[in-house]
Amino acid sequence: GVQEVTQLDRPEDWFNALPPFLGQPGYGALVKSGKRPKANEHSIFVR
């Protein structure tokens, strides 16, 4: 909600629940593996 997101491991949150349907890992899994998306990266998480 109105808080900056810090809890990244809940599978029900949209950024973790939806990517597998596009053949991609959830956001929490990316951060945990040291692959947090970066600016100008071709990522579904980053415009």
ModelCIF file with pLDDT and N, C-alpha, C, O atoms, coordinates in Angstrom:
data_MODEL
#
_entry.id   MODEL 
#
_entity.id                         1 
_entity.type                       polymer 
_entity.pdbx_number_of_molecules   1 
#
_entity_poly.entity_id                      1 
_entity_poly.type                           'polypeptide(L)' 
_entity_poly.nstd_linkage                   no 
_entity_poly.nstd_monomer                   no 
_entity_poly.pdbx_seq_one_letter_code       GVQEVTQLDRPEDWFNALPPFLGQPGYGALVKSGKRPKANEHSIFVR 
_entity_poly.pdbx_seq_one_letter_code_can   GVQEVTQLDRPEDWFNALPPFLGQPGYGALVKSGKRPKANEHSIFVR 
_entity_poly.pdbx_strand_id                 A 
#
loop_
_entity_poly_seq.entity_id 
_entity_poly_seq.num 
_entity_poly_seq.mon_id 
_entity_poly_seq.hetero 
1 1  GLY n 
1 2  VAL n 
1 3  GLN n 
1 4  GLU n 
1 5  VAL n 
1 6  THR n 
1 7  GLN n 
1 8  LEU n 
1 9  ASP n 
1 10 ARG n 
1 11 PRO n 
1 12 GLU n 
1 13 ASP n 
1 14 TRP n 
1 15 PHE n 
1 16 ASN n 
1 17 ALA n 
1 18 LEU n 
1 19 PRO n 
1 20 PRO n 
1 21 PHE n 
1 22 LEU n 
1 23 GLY n 
1 24 GLN n 
1 25 PRO n 
1 26 GLY n 
1 27 TYR n 
1 28 GLY n 
1 29 ALA n 
1 30 LEU n 
1 31 VAL n 
1 32 LYS n 
1 33 SER n 
1 34 GLY n 
1 35 LYS n 
1 36 ARG n 
1 37 PRO n 
1 38 LYS n 
1 39 ALA n 
1 40 ASN n 
1 41 GLU n 
1 42 HIS n 
1 43 SER n 
1 44 ILE n 
1 45 PHE n 
1 46 VAL n 
1 47 ARG n 
#
_struct_asym.id          A 
_struct_asym.entity_id   1 
#
loop_
_ma_qa_metric.id 
_ma_qa_metric.mode 
_ma_qa_metric.name 
_ma_qa_metric.software_group_id 
_ma_qa_metric.type 
1 global pLDDT . pLDDT 
2 local  pLDDT . pLDDT 
#
_ma_qa_metric_global.metric_id      1 
_ma_qa_metric_global.metric_value   96.19 
_ma_qa_metric_global.model_id       1 
_ma_qa_metric_global.ordinal_id     1 
#
loop_
_ma_qa_metric_local.label_asym_id 
_ma_qa_metric_local.label_comp_id 
_ma_qa_metric_local.label_seq_id 
_ma_qa_metric_local.metric_id 
_ma_qa_metric_local.metric_value 
_ma_qa_metric_local.model_id 
_ma_qa_metric_local.ordinal_id 
A GLY 1  2 92.00 1 1  
A VAL 2  2 95.00 1 2  
A GLN 3  2 94.00 1 3  
A GLU 4  2 96.00 1 4  
A VAL 5  2 96.00 1 5  
A THR 6  2 96.00 1 6  
A GLN 7  2 96.00 1 7  
A LEU 8  2 97.00 1 8  
A ASP 9  2 96.00 1 9  
A ARG 10 2 97.00 1 10 
A PRO 11 2 98.00 1 11 
A GLU 12 2 98.00 1 12 
A ASP 13 2 98.00 1 13 
A TRP 14 2 98.00 1 14 
A PHE 15 2 98.00 1 15 
A ASN 16 2 98.00 1 16 
A ALA 17 2 98.00 1 17 
A LEU 18 2 98.00 1 18 
A PRO 19 2 98.00 1 19 
A PRO 20 2 98.00 1 20 
A PHE 21 2 98.00 1 21 
A LEU 22 2 97.00 1 22 
A GLY 23 2 97.00 1 23 
A GLN 24 2 97.00 1 24 
A PRO 25 2 97.00 1 25 
A GLY 26 2 98.00 1 26 
A TYR 27 2 98.00 1 27 
A GLY 28 2 97.00 1 28 
A ALA 29 2 97.00 1 29 
A LEU 30 2 97.00 1 30 
A VAL 31 2 96.00 1 31 
A LYS 32 2 96.00 1 32 
A SER 33 2 96.00 1 33 
A GLY 34 2 95.00 1 34 
A LYS 35 2 96.00 1 35 
A ARG 36 2 96.00 1 36 
A PRO 37 2 95.00 1 37 
A LYS 38 2 94.00 1 38 
A ALA 39 2 94.00 1 39 
A ASN 40 2 91.00 1 40 
A GLU 41 2 92.00 1 41 
A HIS 42 2 91.00 1 42 
A SER 43 2 95.00 1 43 
A ILE 44 2 97.00 1 44 
A PHE 45 2 97.00 1 45 
A VAL 46 2 96.00 1 46 
A ARG 47 2 96.00 1 47 
#
loop_
_atom_site.group_PDB 
_atom_site.id 
_atom_site.type_symbol 
_atom_site.label_atom_id 
_atom_site.label_alt_id 
_atom_site.label_comp_id 
_atom_site.label_asym_id 
_atom_site.label_entity_id 
_atom_site.label_seq_id 
_atom_site.pdbx_PDB_ins_code 
_atom_site.Cartn_x 
_atom_site.Cartn_y 
_atom_site.Cartn_z 
_atom_site.occupancy 
_atom_site.B_iso_or_equiv 
_atom_site.pdbx_formal_charge 
_atom_site.auth_seq_id 
_atom_site.auth_comp_id 
_atom_site.auth_asym_id 
_atom_site.auth_atom_id 
_atom_site.pdbx_PDB_model_num 
ATOM 1   N N  . GLY A 1 1  ? 0.791  -1.222  0.000   1.00 92.00 ? 1  GLY A N  1 
ATOM 2   C CA . GLY A 1 1  ? 0.000  0.000   0.000   1.00 92.00 ? 1  GLY A CA 1 
ATOM 3   C C  . GLY A 1 1  ? 0.819  1.265   0.000   1.00 92.00 ? 1  GLY A C  1 
ATOM 4   O O  . GLY A 1 1  ? 1.706  1.432   -0.837  1.00 92.00 ? 1  GLY A O  1 
ATOM 5   N N  . VAL A 1 2  ? 0.531  2.170   0.939   1.00 95.00 ? 2  VAL A N  1 
ATOM 6   C CA . VAL A 1 2  ? 1.171  3.490   0.953   1.00 95.00 ? 2  VAL A CA 1 
ATOM 7   C C  . VAL A 1 2  ? 2.625  3.437   1.414   1.00 95.00 ? 2  VAL A C  1 
ATOM 8   O O  . VAL A 1 2  ? 3.344  4.427   1.287   1.00 95.00 ? 2  VAL A O  1 
ATOM 9   N N  . GLN A 1 3  ? 3.062  2.319   1.938   1.00 94.00 ? 3  GLN A N  1 
ATOM 10  C CA . GLN A 1 3  ? 4.448  2.184   2.387   1.00 94.00 ? 3  GLN A CA 1 
ATOM 11  C C  . GLN A 1 3  ? 5.350  1.763   1.225   1.00 94.00 ? 3  GLN A C  1 
ATOM 12  O O  . GLN A 1 3  ? 4.919  1.061   0.309   1.00 94.00 ? 3  GLN A O  1 
ATOM 13  N N  . GLU A 1 4  ? 6.599  2.202   1.280   1.00 96.00 ? 4  GLU A N  1 
ATOM 14  C CA . GLU A 1 4  ? 7.581  1.662   0.337   1.00 96.00 ? 4  GLU A CA 1 
ATOM 15  C C  . GLU A 1 4  ? 7.665  0.159   0.547   1.00 96.00 ? 4  GLU A C  1 
ATOM 16  O O  . GLU A 1 4  ? 7.710  -0.318  1.681   1.00 96.00 ? 4  GLU A O  1 
ATOM 17  N N  . VAL A 1 5  ? 7.684  -0.578  -0.548  1.00 96.00 ? 5  VAL A N  1 
ATOM 18  C CA . VAL A 1 5  ? 7.639  -2.034  -0.416  1.00 96.00 ? 5  VAL A CA 1 
ATOM 19  C C  . VAL A 1 5  ? 8.992  -2.571  0.053   1.00 96.00 ? 5  VAL A C  1 
ATOM 20  O O  . VAL A 1 5  ? 10.029 -2.328  -0.564  1.00 96.00 ? 5  VAL A O  1 
ATOM 21  N N  . THR A 1 6  ? 8.946  -3.299  1.151   1.00 96.00 ? 6  THR A N  1 
ATOM 22  C CA . THR A 1 6  ? 10.144 -3.949  1.689   1.00 96.00 ? 6  THR A CA 1 
ATOM 23  C C  . THR A 1 6  ? 9.935  -5.447  1.846   1.00 96.00 ? 6  THR A C  1 
ATOM 24  O O  . THR A 1 6  ? 10.900 -6.211  1.868   1.00 96.00 ? 6  THR A O  1 
ATOM 25  N N  . GLN A 1 7  ? 8.670  -5.875  1.956   1.00 96.00 ? 7  GLN A N  1 
ATOM 26  C CA . GLN A 1 7  ? 8.377  -7.300  2.069   1.00 96.00 ? 7  GLN A CA 1 
ATOM 27  C C  . GLN A 1 7  ? 8.205  -7.866  0.666   1.00 96.00 ? 7  GLN A C  1 
ATOM 28  O O  . GLN A 1 7  ? 7.210  -7.612  -0.012  1.00 96.00 ? 7  GLN A O  1 
ATOM 29  N N  . LEU A 1 8  ? 9.194  -8.634  0.255   1.00 97.00 ? 8  LEU A N  1 
ATOM 30  C CA . LEU A 1 8  ? 9.259  -9.083  -1.132  1.00 97.00 ? 8  LEU A CA 1 
ATOM 31  C C  . LEU A 1 8  ? 9.020  -10.577 -1.306  1.00 97.00 ? 8  LEU A C  1 
ATOM 32  O O  . LEU A 1 8  ? 9.091  -11.085 -2.425  1.00 97.00 ? 8  LEU A O  1 
ATOM 33  N N  . ASP A 1 9  ? 8.738  -11.285 -0.223  1.00 96.00 ? 9  ASP A N  1 
ATOM 34  C CA . ASP A 1 9  ? 8.702  -12.743 -0.302  1.00 96.00 ? 9  ASP A CA 1 
ATOM 35  C C  . ASP A 1 9  ? 7.298  -13.349 -0.289  1.00 96.00 ? 9  ASP A C  1 
ATOM 36  O O  . ASP A 1 9  ? 7.161  -14.572 -0.287  1.00 96.00 ? 9  ASP A O  1 
ATOM 37  N N  . ARG A 1 10 ? 6.249  -12.516 -0.280  1.00 97.00 ? 10 ARG A N  1 
ATOM 38  C CA . ARG A 1 10 ? 4.900  -13.090 -0.277  1.00 97.00 ? 10 ARG A CA 1 
ATOM 39  C C  . ARG A 1 10 ? 4.512  -13.518 -1.682  1.00 97.00 ? 10 ARG A C  1 
ATOM 40  O O  . ARG A 1 10 ? 4.472  -12.681 -2.583  1.00 97.00 ? 10 ARG A O  1 
ATOM 41  N N  . PRO A 1 11 ? 4.229  -14.791 -1.895  1.00 98.00 ? 11 PRO A N  1 
ATOM 42  C CA . PRO A 1 11 ? 3.914  -15.277 -3.244  1.00 98.00 ? 11 PRO A CA 1 
ATOM 43  C C  . PRO A 1 11 ? 2.620  -14.717 -3.806  1.00 98.00 ? 11 PRO A C  1 
ATOM 44  O O  . PRO A 1 11 ? 2.435  -14.732 -5.023  1.00 98.00 ? 11 PRO A O  1 
ATOM 45  N N  . GLU A 1 12 ? 1.719  -14.222 -2.968  1.00 98.00 ? 12 GLU A N  1 
ATOM 46  C CA . GLU A 1 12 ? 0.429  -13.719 -3.439  1.00 98.00 ? 12 GLU A CA 1 
ATOM 47  C C  . GLU A 1 12 ? 0.510  -12.297 -3.989  1.00 98.00 ? 12 GLU A C  1 
ATOM 48  O O  . GLU A 1 12 ? -0.393 -11.867 -4.707  1.00 98.00 ? 12 GLU A O  1 
ATOM 49  N N  . ASP A 1 13 ? 1.567  -11.564 -3.668  1.00 98.00 ? 13 ASP A N  1 
ATOM 50  C CA . ASP A 1 13 ? 1.686  -10.199 -4.179  1.00 98.00 ? 13 ASP A CA 1 
ATOM 51  C C  . ASP A 1 13 ? 1.917  -10.226 -5.685  1.00 98.00 ? 13 ASP A C  1 
ATOM 52  O O  . ASP A 1 13 ? 2.606  -11.105 -6.203  1.00 98.00 ? 13 ASP A O  1 
ATOM 53  N N  . TRP A 1 14 ? 1.334  -9.256  -6.378  1.00 98.00 ? 14 TRP A N  1 
ATOM 54  C CA . TRP A 1 14 ? 1.299  -9.281  -7.843  1.00 98.00 ? 14 TRP A CA 1 
ATOM 55  C C  . TRP A 1 14 ? 2.671  -9.419  -8.478  1.00 98.00 ? 14 TRP A C  1 
ATOM 56  O O  . TRP A 1 14 ? 2.806  -10.083 -9.506  1.00 98.00 ? 14 TRP A O  1 
ATOM 57  N N  . PHE A 1 15 ? 3.696  -8.806  -7.890  1.00 98.00 ? 15 PHE A N  1 
ATOM 58  C CA . PHE A 1 15 ? 5.029  -8.831  -8.494  1.00 98.00 ? 15 PHE A CA 1 
ATOM 59  C C  . PHE A 1 15 ? 5.715  -10.180 -8.342  1.00 98.00 ? 15 PHE A C  1 
ATOM 60  O O  . PHE A 1 15 ? 6.738  -10.432 -8.980  1.00 98.00 ? 15 PHE A O  1 
ATOM 61  N N  . ASN A 1 16 ? 5.154  -11.062 -7.493  1.00 98.00 ? 16 ASN A N  1 
ATOM 62  C CA . ASN A 1 16 ? 5.636  -12.439 -7.398  1.00 98.00 ? 16 ASN A CA 1 
ATOM 63  C C  . ASN A 1 16 ? 4.670  -13.430 -8.043  1.00 98.00 ? 16 ASN A C  1 
ATOM 64  O O  . ASN A 1 16 ? 5.088  -14.452 -8.587  1.00 98.00 ? 16 ASN A O  1 
ATOM 65  N N  . ALA A 1 17 ? 3.386  -13.122 -7.979  1.00 98.00 ? 17 ALA A N  1 
ATOM 66  C CA . ALA A 1 17 ? 2.361  -14.060 -8.458  1.00 98.00 ? 17 ALA A CA 1 
ATOM 67  C C  . ALA A 1 17 ? 2.258  -14.116 -9.980  1.00 98.00 ? 17 ALA A C  1 
ATOM 68  O O  . ALA A 1 17 ? 1.975  -15.178 -10.536 1.00 98.00 ? 17 ALA A O  1 
ATOM 69  N N  . LEU A 1 18 ? 2.484  -12.990 -10.666 1.00 98.00 ? 18 LEU A N  1 
ATOM 70  C CA . LEU A 1 18 ? 2.233  -12.931 -12.108 1.00 98.00 ? 18 LEU A CA 1 
ATOM 71  C C  . LEU A 1 18 ? 3.415  -13.320 -13.007 1.00 98.00 ? 18 LEU A C  1 
ATOM 72  O O  . LEU A 1 18 ? 3.189  -13.958 -14.035 1.00 98.00 ? 18 LEU A O  1 
ATOM 73  N N  . PRO A 1 19 ? 4.658  -12.969 -12.670 1.00 98.00 ? 19 PRO A N  1 
ATOM 74  C CA . PRO A 1 19 ? 5.768  -13.272 -13.593 1.00 98.00 ? 19 PRO A CA 1 
ATOM 75  C C  . PRO A 1 19 ? 5.882  -14.728 -14.033 1.00 98.00 ? 19 PRO A C  1 
ATOM 76  O O  . PRO A 1 19 ? 6.226  -14.966 -15.190 1.00 98.00 ? 19 PRO A O  1 
ATOM 77  N N  . PRO A 1 20 ? 5.610  -15.731 -13.167 1.00 98.00 ? 20 PRO A N  1 
ATOM 78  C CA . PRO A 1 20 ? 5.707  -17.118 -13.644 1.00 98.00 ? 20 PRO A CA 1 
ATOM 79  C C  . PRO A 1 20 ? 4.818  -17.423 -14.847 1.00 98.00 ? 20 PRO A C  1 
ATOM 80  O O  . PRO A 1 20 ? 5.124  -18.322 -15.631 1.00 98.00 ? 20 PRO A O  1 
ATOM 81  N N  . PHE A 1 21 ? 3.719  -16.681 -15.000 1.00 98.00 ? 21 PHE A N  1 
ATOM 82  C CA . PHE A 1 21 ? 2.830  -16.889 -16.147 1.00 98.00 ? 21 PHE A CA 1 
ATOM 83  C C  . PHE A 1 21 ? 3.423  -16.282 -17.426 1.00 98.00 ? 21 PHE A C  1 
ATOM 84  O O  . PHE A 1 21 ? 2.882  -16.461 -18.518 1.00 98.00 ? 21 PHE A O  1 
ATOM 85  N N  . LEU A 1 22 ? 4.535  -15.567 -17.273 1.00 97.00 ? 22 LEU A N  1 
ATOM 86  C CA . LEU A 1 22 ? 5.289  -15.065 -18.423 1.00 97.00 ? 22 LEU A CA 1 
ATOM 87  C C  . LEU A 1 22 ? 6.623  -15.790 -18.553 1.00 97.00 ? 22 LEU A C  1 
ATOM 88  O O  . LEU A 1 22 ? 7.495  -15.382 -19.320 1.00 97.00 ? 22 LEU A O  1 
ATOM 89  N N  . GLY A 1 23 ? 6.765  -16.874 -17.789 1.00 97.00 ? 23 GLY A N  1 
ATOM 90  C CA . GLY A 1 23 ? 7.998  -17.658 -17.843 1.00 97.00 ? 23 GLY A CA 1 
ATOM 91  C C  . GLY A 1 23 ? 9.166  -16.981 -17.149 1.00 97.00 ? 23 GLY A C  1 
ATOM 92  O O  . GLY A 1 23 ? 10.320 -17.225 -17.501 1.00 97.00 ? 23 GLY A O  1 
ATOM 93  N N  . GLN A 1 24 ? 8.884  -16.132 -16.165 1.00 97.00 ? 24 GLN A N  1 
ATOM 94  C CA . GLN A 1 24 ? 9.938  -15.391 -15.482 1.00 97.00 ? 24 GLN A CA 1 
ATOM 95  C C  . GLN A 1 24 ? 9.805  -15.552 -13.971 1.00 97.00 ? 24 GLN A C  1 
ATOM 96  O O  . GLN A 1 24 ? 8.713  -15.824 -13.473 1.00 97.00 ? 24 GLN A O  1 
ATOM 97  N N  . PRO A 1 25 ? 10.906 -15.387 -13.235 1.00 97.00 ? 25 PRO A N  1 
ATOM 98  C CA . PRO A 1 25 ? 10.830 -15.481 -11.776 1.00 97.00 ? 25 PRO A CA 1 
ATOM 99  C C  . PRO A 1 25 ? 10.145 -14.264 -11.179 1.00 97.00 ? 25 PRO A C  1 
ATOM 100 O O  . PRO A 1 25 ? 10.115 -13.197 -11.793 1.00 97.00 ? 25 PRO A O  1 
ATOM 101 N N  . GLY A 1 26 ? 9.599  -14.422 -9.996  1.00 98.00 ? 26 GLY A N  1 
ATOM 102 C CA . GLY A 1 26 ? 9.004  -13.305 -9.285  1.00 98.00 ? 26 GLY A CA 1 
ATOM 103 C C  . GLY A 1 26 ? 10.062 -12.317 -8.839  1.00 98.00 ? 26 GLY A C  1 
ATOM 104 O O  . GLY A 1 26 ? 11.255 -12.622 -8.840  1.00 98.00 ? 26 GLY A O  1 
ATOM 105 N N  . TYR A 1 27 ? 9.615  -11.127 -8.456  1.00 98.00 ? 27 TYR A N  1 
ATOM 106 C CA . TYR A 1 27 ? 10.557 -10.079 -8.077  1.00 98.00 ? 27 TYR A CA 1 
ATOM 107 C C  . TYR A 1 27 ? 11.376 -10.471 -6.848  1.00 98.00 ? 27 TYR A C  1 
ATOM 108 O O  . TYR A 1 27 ? 12.586 -10.251 -6.800  1.00 98.00 ? 27 TYR A O  1 
ATOM 109 N N  . GLY A 1 28 ? 10.699 -11.053 -5.856  1.00 97.00 ? 28 GLY A N  1 
ATOM 110 C CA . GLY A 1 28 ? 11.412 -11.464 -4.651  1.00 97.00 ? 28 GLY A CA 1 
ATOM 111 C C  . GLY A 1 28 ? 12.532 -12.450 -4.947  1.00 97.00 ? 28 GLY A C  1 
ATOM 112 O O  . GLY A 1 28 ? 13.607 -12.371 -4.354  1.00 97.00 ? 28 GLY A O  1 
ATOM 113 N N  . ALA A 1 29 ? 12.281 -13.380 -5.864  1.00 97.00 ? 29 ALA A N  1 
ATOM 114 C CA . ALA A 1 29 ? 13.308 -14.364 -6.227  1.00 97.00 ? 29 ALA A CA 1 
ATOM 115 C C  . ALA A 1 29 ? 14.490 -13.691 -6.916  1.00 97.00 ? 29 ALA A C  1 
ATOM 116 O O  . ALA A 1 29 ? 15.638 -14.074 -6.692  1.00 97.00 ? 29 ALA A O  1 
ATOM 117 N N  . LEU A 1 30 ? 14.217 -12.697 -7.749  1.00 97.00 ? 30 LEU A N  1 
ATOM 118 C CA . LEU A 1 30 ? 15.302 -11.964 -8.415  1.00 97.00 ? 30 LEU A CA 1 
ATOM 119 C C  . LEU A 1 30 ? 16.183 -11.251 -7.398  1.00 97.00 ? 30 LEU A C  1 
ATOM 120 O O  . LEU A 1 30 ? 17.410 -11.314 -7.475  1.00 97.00 ? 30 LEU A O  1 
ATOM 121 N N  . VAL A 1 31 ? 15.547 -10.572 -6.444  1.00 96.00 ? 31 VAL A N  1 
ATOM 122 C CA . VAL A 1 31 ? 16.321 -9.847  -5.431  1.00 96.00 ? 31 VAL A CA 1 
ATOM 123 C C  . VAL A 1 31 ? 17.138 -10.822 -4.586  1.00 96.00 ? 31 VAL A C  1 
ATOM 124 O O  . VAL A 1 31 ? 18.308 -10.573 -4.293  1.00 96.00 ? 31 VAL A O  1 
ATOM 125 N N  . LYS A 1 32 ? 16.519 -11.922 -4.203  1.00 96.00 ? 32 LYS A N  1 
ATOM 126 C CA . LYS A 1 32 ? 17.199 -12.913 -3.369  1.00 96.00 ? 32 LYS A CA 1 
ATOM 127 C C  . LYS A 1 32 ? 18.424 -13.495 -4.058  1.00 96.00 ? 32 LYS A C  1 
ATOM 128 O O  . LYS A 1 32 ? 19.411 -13.823 -3.401  1.00 96.00 ? 32 LYS A O  1 
ATOM 129 N N  . SER A 1 33 ? 18.365 -13.624 -5.382  1.00 96.00 ? 33 SER A N  1 
ATOM 130 C CA . SER A 1 33 ? 19.497 -14.191 -6.136  1.00 96.00 ? 33 SER A CA 1 
ATOM 131 C C  . SER A 1 33 ? 20.477 -13.116 -6.601  1.00 96.00 ? 33 SER A C  1 
ATOM 132 O O  . SER A 1 33 ? 21.382 -13.407 -7.383  1.00 96.00 ? 33 SER A O  1 
ATOM 133 N N  . GLY A 1 34 ? 20.313 -11.893 -6.136  1.00 95.00 ? 34 GLY A N  1 
ATOM 134 C CA . GLY A 1 34 ? 21.223 -10.820 -6.506  1.00 95.00 ? 34 GLY A CA 1 
ATOM 135 C C  . GLY A 1 34 ? 21.002 -10.264 -7.896  1.00 95.00 ? 34 GLY A C  1 
ATOM 136 O O  . GLY A 1 34 ? 21.911 -9.674  -8.479  1.00 95.00 ? 34 GLY A O  1 
ATOM 137 N N  . LYS A 1 35 ? 19.793 -10.446 -8.443  1.00 96.00 ? 35 LYS A N  1 
ATOM 138 C CA . LYS A 1 35 ? 19.502 -9.986  -9.806  1.00 96.00 ? 35 LYS A CA 1 
ATOM 139 C C  . LYS A 1 35 ? 18.416 -8.913  -9.814  1.00 96.00 ? 35 LYS A C  1 
ATOM 140 O O  . LYS A 1 35 ? 17.574 -8.872  -10.711 1.00 96.00 ? 35 LYS A O  1 
ATOM 141 N N  . ARG A 1 36 ? 18.448 -8.062  -8.818  1.00 96.00 ? 36 ARG A N  1 
ATOM 142 C CA . ARG A 1 36 ? 17.475 -6.966  -8.744  1.00 96.00 ? 36 ARG A CA 1 
ATOM 143 C C  . ARG A 1 36 ? 17.531 -6.142  -10.028 1.00 96.00 ? 36 ARG A C  1 
ATOM 144 O O  . ARG A 1 36 ? 18.611 -5.712  -10.431 1.00 96.00 ? 36 ARG A O  1 
ATOM 145 N N  . PRO A 1 37 ? 16.380 -5.912  -10.683 1.00 95.00 ? 37 PRO A N  1 
ATOM 146 C CA . PRO A 1 37 ? 16.377 -5.137  -11.931 1.00 95.00 ? 37 PRO A CA 1 
ATOM 147 C C  . PRO A 1 37 ? 16.996 -3.755  -11.761 1.00 95.00 ? 37 PRO A C  1 
ATOM 148 O O  . PRO A 1 37 ? 16.913 -3.145  -10.694 1.00 95.00 ? 37 PRO A O  1 
ATOM 149 N N  . LYS A 1 38 ? 17.620 -3.273  -12.841 1.00 94.00 ? 38 LYS A N  1 
ATOM 150 C CA . LYS A 1 38 ? 18.291 -1.977  -12.836 1.00 94.00 ? 38 LYS A CA 1 
ATOM 151 C C  . LYS A 1 38 ? 17.644 -1.040  -13.856 1.00 94.00 ? 38 LYS A C  1 
ATOM 152 O O  . LYS A 1 38 ? 16.902 -1.471  -14.738 1.00 94.00 ? 38 LYS A O  1 
ATOM 153 N N  . ALA A 1 39 ? 17.943 0.248   -13.713 1.00 94.00 ? 39 ALA A N  1 
ATOM 154 C CA . ALA A 1 39 ? 17.447 1.239   -14.667 1.00 94.00 ? 39 ALA A CA 1 
ATOM 155 C C  . ALA A 1 39 ? 17.961 0.910   -16.064 1.00 94.00 ? 39 ALA A C  1 
ATOM 156 O O  . ALA A 1 39 ? 19.087 0.439   -16.227 1.00 94.00 ? 39 ALA A O  1 
ATOM 157 N N  . ASN A 1 40 ? 17.136 1.159   -17.056 1.00 91.00 ? 40 ASN A N  1 
ATOM 158 C CA . ASN A 1 40 ? 17.453 0.925   -18.467 1.00 91.00 ? 40 ASN A CA 1 
ATOM 159 C C  . ASN A 1 40 ? 17.621 -0.553  -18.817 1.00 91.00 ? 40 ASN A C  1 
ATOM 160 O O  . ASN A 1 40 ? 18.090 -0.889  -19.904 1.00 91.00 ? 40 ASN A O  1 
ATOM 161 N N  . GLU A 1 41 ? 17.241 -1.423  -17.901 1.00 92.00 ? 41 GLU A N  1 
ATOM 162 C CA . GLU A 1 41 ? 17.293 -2.860  -18.160 1.00 92.00 ? 41 GLU A CA 1 
ATOM 163 C C  . GLU A 1 41 ? 15.997 -3.288  -18.826 1.00 92.00 ? 41 GLU A C  1 
ATOM 164 O O  . GLU A 1 41 ? 14.922 -2.800  -18.476 1.00 92.00 ? 41 GLU A O  1 
ATOM 165 N N  . HIS A 1 42 ? 16.094 -4.193  -19.780 1.00 91.00 ? 42 HIS A N  1 
ATOM 166 C CA . HIS A 1 42 ? 14.876 -4.684  -20.428 1.00 91.00 ? 42 HIS A CA 1 
ATOM 167 C C  . HIS A 1 42 ? 14.208 -5.677  -19.491 1.00 91.00 ? 42 HIS A C  1 
ATOM 168 O O  . HIS A 1 42 ? 14.513 -6.870  -19.506 1.00 91.00 ? 42 HIS A O  1 
ATOM 169 N N  . SER A 1 43 ? 13.301 -5.171  -18.682 1.00 95.00 ? 43 SER A N  1 
ATOM 170 C CA . SER A 1 43 ? 12.660 -5.976  -17.648 1.00 95.00 ? 43 SER A CA 1 
ATOM 171 C C  . SER A 1 43 ? 11.186 -5.616  -17.588 1.00 95.00 ? 43 SER A C  1 
ATOM 172 O O  . SER A 1 43 ? 10.821 -4.457  -17.788 1.00 95.00 ? 43 SER A O  1 
ATOM 173 N N  . ILE A 1 44 ? 10.337 -6.597  -17.313 1.00 97.00 ? 44 ILE A N  1 
ATOM 174 C CA . ILE A 1 44 ? 8.909  -6.319  -17.195 1.00 97.00 ? 44 ILE A CA 1 
ATOM 175 C C  . ILE A 1 44 ? 8.615  -5.472  -15.955 1.00 97.00 ? 44 ILE A C  1 
ATOM 176 O O  . ILE A 1 44 ? 7.536  -4.888  -15.848 1.00 97.00 ? 44 ILE A O  1 
ATOM 177 N N  . PHE A 1 45 ? 9.551  -5.400  -15.033 1.00 97.00 ? 45 PHE A N  1 
ATOM 178 C CA . PHE A 1 45 ? 9.349  -4.627  -13.813 1.00 97.00 ? 45 PHE A CA 1 
ATOM 179 C C  . PHE A 1 45 ? 9.712  -3.152  -13.970 1.00 97.00 ? 45 PHE A C  1 
ATOM 180 O O  . PHE A 1 45 ? 9.309  -2.323  -13.155 1.00 97.00 ? 45 PHE A O  1 
ATOM 181 N N  . VAL A 1 46 ? 10.468 -2.824  -15.011 1.00 96.00 ? 46 VAL A N  1 
ATOM 182 C CA . VAL A 1 46 ? 11.031 -1.477  -15.144 1.00 96.00 ? 46 VAL A CA 1 
ATOM 183 C C  . VAL A 1 46 ? 10.597 -0.861  -16.472 1.00 96.00 ? 46 VAL A C  1 
ATOM 184 O O  . VAL A 1 46 ? 10.866 -1.415  -17.537 1.00 96.00 ? 46 VAL A O  1 
ATOM 185 N N  . ARG A 1 47 ? 9.929  0.279   -16.402 1.00 96.00 ? 47 ARG A N  1 
ATOM 186 C CA . ARG A 1 47 ? 9.530  0.968   -17.624 1.00 96.00 ? 47 ARG A CA 1 
ATOM 187 C C  . ARG A 1 47 ? 10.715 1.723   -18.218 1.00 96.00 ? 47 ARG A C  1 
ATOM 188 O O  . ARG A 1 47 ? 10.577 2.369   -19.257 1.00 96.00 ? 47 ARG A O  1 
#
